[in-house]
């Protein structure tokens, strides 16, 4: 999935947030003017105005910036995903040798294989199958959660960047970046370790 920044809900939500952030710039200019008049040092125009102008540019390009970072991570992720086909033929059934555990060649039944050995092989295959299904479900939920979170982070990017203008809002800006980096990195990291596991097996 690569439609992080092009999903209709993301585009519409981001436009609304961007327009709201741009409207708040007028309010911020008024706050800076009054703070300068009354002598509040943390809101002096010399400190906030350059940052405000820089954030005004970044807010209007926040979706593009987020998209470039996501695309860079997706290139790394797809590289490892394409490597799955060369590792254990790309699936857990071959990696855990489940298919071999479920096969009995002709003539083996009379060559000393007991019912206990057949039952043990079937139980082991069932355990490995359950492990494979659980791993795949966890990976699926992680990647779906990543998609949803990146959608939300892209939509809220303009307002978060706007909050960075104020000293009190910088902690929310830092939290946004931390969460964004975590969600961007989790995809390539998951793909790398899955590829490493299949290649090692």
Protein backbone atom coordinates (compact mmCIF):
# COMPACT_ATOMS: atom_id res chain seq x y z
CA UNK A 1 0.00 0.00 0.00
CA UNK A 2 1.46 3.36 -1.05
CA UNK A 3 -1.56 5.69 -1.02
CA UNK A 4 -0.73 7.35 2.29
CA UNK A 5 -0.90 10.96 1.11
CA UNK A 6 -3.35 10.45 -1.78
CA UNK A 7 -6.24 8.83 0.10
CA UNK A 8 -9.37 11.04 -0.30
CA UNK A 9 -9.96 11.28 3.46
CA UNK A 10 -6.33 12.31 4.01
CA UNK A 11 -6.42 14.94 1.26
CA UNK A 12 -9.71 16.44 2.48
CA UNK A 13 -8.73 16.35 6.14
CA UNK A 14 -5.32 17.85 5.47
CA UNK A 15 -6.82 20.72 3.44
CA UNK A 16 -9.21 21.56 6.31
CA UNK A 17 -6.38 21.48 8.87
CA UNK A 18 -4.09 23.52 6.62
CA UNK A 19 -6.73 26.19 6.10
CA UNK A 20 -7.44 26.33 9.83
CA UNK A 21 -3.72 26.67 10.61
CA UNK A 22 -3.38 29.46 8.03
CA UNK A 23 -6.32 31.30 9.62
CA UNK A 24 -4.70 31.05 13.04
CA UNK A 25 -1.64 32.88 11.73
CA UNK A 26 -3.67 36.11 11.84
CA UNK A 27 -4.46 35.42 15.50
CA UNK A 28 -0.79 34.71 16.19
CA UNK A 29 0.25 38.00 14.62
CA UNK A 30 -2.19 39.81 16.91
CA UNK A 31 -0.85 37.91 19.94
CA UNK A 32 2.72 38.82 18.98
CA UNK A 33 1.74 42.47 18.59
CA UNK A 34 0.03 42.66 21.99
CA UNK A 35 2.80 40.67 23.71
CA UNK A 36 5.40 43.02 22.27
CA UNK A 37 3.42 46.02 23.54
CA UNK A 38 3.07 44.65 27.08
CA UNK A 39 6.67 43.39 27.14
CA UNK A 40 6.27 39.58 27.31
CA UNK A 41 9.73 38.30 26.42
CA UNK A 42 8.68 34.80 25.23
CA UNK A 43 6.28 36.33 22.69
CA UNK A 44 8.52 39.09 21.34
CA UNK A 45 8.23 39.52 17.57
CA UNK A 46 12.00 39.19 17.15
CA UNK A 47 11.76 35.62 18.46
CA UNK A 48 8.46 34.42 17.03
CA UNK A 49 8.10 36.17 13.67
CA UNK A 50 10.98 34.37 11.84
CA UNK A 51 9.75 31.04 13.19
CA UNK A 52 6.18 31.91 12.25
CA UNK A 53 7.15 32.66 8.66
CA UNK A 54 9.14 29.43 8.43
CA UNK A 55 6.26 27.40 9.86
CA UNK A 56 3.87 29.07 7.40
CA UNK A 57 5.93 27.61 4.57
CA UNK A 58 6.27 24.18 6.19
CA UNK A 59 2.55 23.96 7.00
CA UNK A 60 1.58 24.39 3.36
CA UNK A 61 4.09 21.71 2.31
CA UNK A 62 3.62 19.38 5.30
CA UNK A 63 1.80 16.72 3.27
CA UNK A 64 4.56 16.71 0.65
CA UNK A 65 7.29 16.51 3.30
CA UNK A 66 5.53 13.64 5.07
CA UNK A 67 4.97 11.90 1.73
CA UNK A 68 8.66 12.10 0.80
CA UNK A 69 9.70 10.58 4.12
CA UNK A 70 7.11 7.81 3.83
CA UNK A 71 8.17 7.08 0.23
CA UNK A 72 11.82 6.77 1.28
CA UNK A 73 10.82 4.23 3.96
CA UNK A 74 8.56 2.40 1.50
CA UNK A 75 11.47 1.94 -0.95
CA UNK A 76 13.48 0.21 1.80
CA UNK A 77 10.46 -1.84 2.85
CA UNK A 78 9.63 -2.97 -0.70
CA UNK A 79 13.27 -3.99 -1.21
CA UNK A 80 13.03 -6.49 1.65
CA UNK A 81 9.51 -7.56 0.65
CA UNK A 82 10.82 -8.42 -2.82
CA UNK A 83 13.54 -10.48 -1.12
CA UNK A 84 10.93 -12.81 0.40
CA UNK A 85 10.64 -14.75 -2.85
CA UNK A 86 14.30 -15.74 -2.57
CA UNK A 87 14.02 -16.72 1.10
CA UNK A 88 12.30 -20.03 1.88
CA UNK A 89 10.29 -19.60 -1.33
CA UNK A 90 8.50 -16.70 0.32
CA UNK A 91 6.23 -18.49 2.79
CA UNK A 92 6.17 -19.87 6.30
CA UNK A 93 4.91 -23.28 5.22
CA UNK A 94 8.23 -23.94 3.51
CA UNK A 95 10.24 -22.17 6.23
CA UNK A 96 8.79 -24.34 9.01
CA UNK A 97 8.68 -27.42 6.73
CA UNK A 98 4.99 -27.88 7.46
CA UNK A 99 4.35 -29.46 4.07
CA UNK A 100 7.05 -32.07 4.70
CA UNK A 101 5.59 -32.87 8.10
CA UNK A 102 2.21 -33.56 6.50
CA UNK A 103 3.53 -35.85 3.75
CA UNK A 104 4.05 -39.58 3.91
CA UNK A 105 5.55 -41.22 0.88
CA UNK A 106 4.05 -44.39 -0.52
CA UNK A 107 5.30 -47.51 1.14
CA UNK A 108 6.35 -45.80 4.34
CA UNK A 109 3.35 -47.05 6.25
CA UNK A 110 4.71 -50.59 6.35
CA UNK A 111 8.34 -49.64 7.00
CA UNK A 112 8.21 -49.16 10.73
CA UNK A 113 6.40 -45.79 11.03
CA UNK A 114 4.07 -46.09 13.97
CA UNK A 115 0.77 -44.34 14.52
CA UNK A 116 2.42 -42.39 17.35
CA UNK A 117 5.03 -40.95 14.96
CA UNK A 118 2.35 -39.98 12.45
CA UNK A 119 0.27 -38.33 15.21
CA UNK A 120 3.37 -36.53 16.54
CA UNK A 121 4.16 -35.18 13.08
CA UNK A 122 0.59 -33.97 12.63
CA UNK A 123 0.55 -32.29 16.07
CA UNK A 124 3.90 -30.60 15.36
CA UNK A 125 2.63 -29.42 11.96
CA UNK A 126 -0.52 -28.04 13.60
CA UNK A 127 1.56 -26.15 16.20
CA UNK A 128 3.79 -24.68 13.50
CA UNK A 129 0.72 -23.73 11.48
CA UNK A 130 -0.82 -21.92 14.47
CA UNK A 131 2.48 -20.09 15.09
CA UNK A 132 2.59 -19.03 11.43
CA UNK A 133 -0.99 -17.78 11.49
CA UNK A 134 -0.43 -15.82 14.71
CA UNK A 135 2.74 -14.22 13.29
CA UNK A 136 0.98 -13.26 10.06
CA UNK A 137 -2.02 -11.82 11.95
CA UNK A 138 0.25 -9.75 14.23
CA UNK A 139 2.12 -8.45 11.17
CA UNK A 140 -1.15 -7.65 9.42
CA UNK A 141 -2.54 -5.76 12.44
CA UNK A 142 0.75 -3.87 12.83
CA UNK A 143 0.76 -2.77 9.20
CA UNK A 144 -2.94 -1.81 9.21
CA UNK A 145 -2.36 0.20 12.41
CA UNK A 146 0.64 1.86 10.70
CA UNK A 147 -1.50 2.91 7.72
CA UNK A 148 -4.23 4.40 9.93
CA UNK A 149 -1.75 6.21 12.16
CA UNK A 150 0.13 7.68 9.19
CA UNK A 151 -3.19 8.91 7.78
CA UNK A 152 -4.00 10.64 11.09
CA UNK A 153 -0.50 12.07 11.44
CA UNK A 154 -0.56 13.51 7.92
CA UNK A 155 -3.99 15.07 8.51
CA UNK A 156 -2.91 16.66 11.80
CA UNK A 157 0.51 17.78 10.49
CA UNK A 158 -0.44 21.40 9.65
CA UNK A 159 -1.89 22.12 13.10
CA UNK A 160 1.01 20.38 14.84
CA UNK A 161 3.54 22.42 12.90
CA UNK A 162 1.55 25.53 13.76
CA UNK A 163 1.78 24.68 17.48
CA UNK A 164 5.58 24.61 17.14
CA UNK A 165 5.44 28.39 16.82
CA UNK A 166 4.59 28.74 20.53
CA UNK A 167 6.84 27.63 23.39
CA UNK A 168 3.90 25.77 25.00
CA UNK A 169 3.12 23.89 21.77
CA UNK A 170 6.60 22.61 21.07
CA UNK A 171 6.11 19.51 23.23
CA UNK A 172 3.15 18.46 21.04
CA UNK A 173 5.26 19.07 17.94
CA UNK A 174 8.02 16.85 19.39
CA UNK A 175 5.48 14.11 20.22
CA UNK A 176 4.08 14.28 16.69
CA UNK A 177 7.54 13.85 15.17
CA UNK A 178 8.36 10.97 17.49
CA UNK A 179 5.15 9.14 16.61
CA UNK A 180 5.59 9.88 12.90
CA UNK A 181 9.15 8.53 12.89
CA UNK A 182 8.07 5.42 14.79
CA UNK A 183 5.30 4.66 12.30
CA UNK A 184 7.52 5.34 9.29
CA UNK A 185 10.31 3.09 10.59
CA UNK A 186 8.14 0.17 11.76
CA UNK A 187 7.35 -0.93 8.18
CA UNK A 188 10.96 -1.30 6.95
CA UNK A 189 12.01 -2.78 10.32
CA UNK A 190 9.24 -5.41 10.17
CA UNK A 191 10.07 -6.25 6.56
CA UNK A 192 13.79 -6.53 7.34
CA UNK A 193 13.36 -8.87 10.30
CA UNK A 194 10.85 -11.02 8.43
CA UNK A 195 13.24 -11.29 5.50
CA UNK A 196 16.12 -12.08 7.90
CA UNK A 197 14.05 -14.78 9.61
CA UNK A 198 13.08 -16.46 6.33
CA UNK A 199 16.63 -16.19 4.97
CA UNK A 200 18.09 -17.66 8.18
CA UNK A 201 15.64 -20.56 8.19
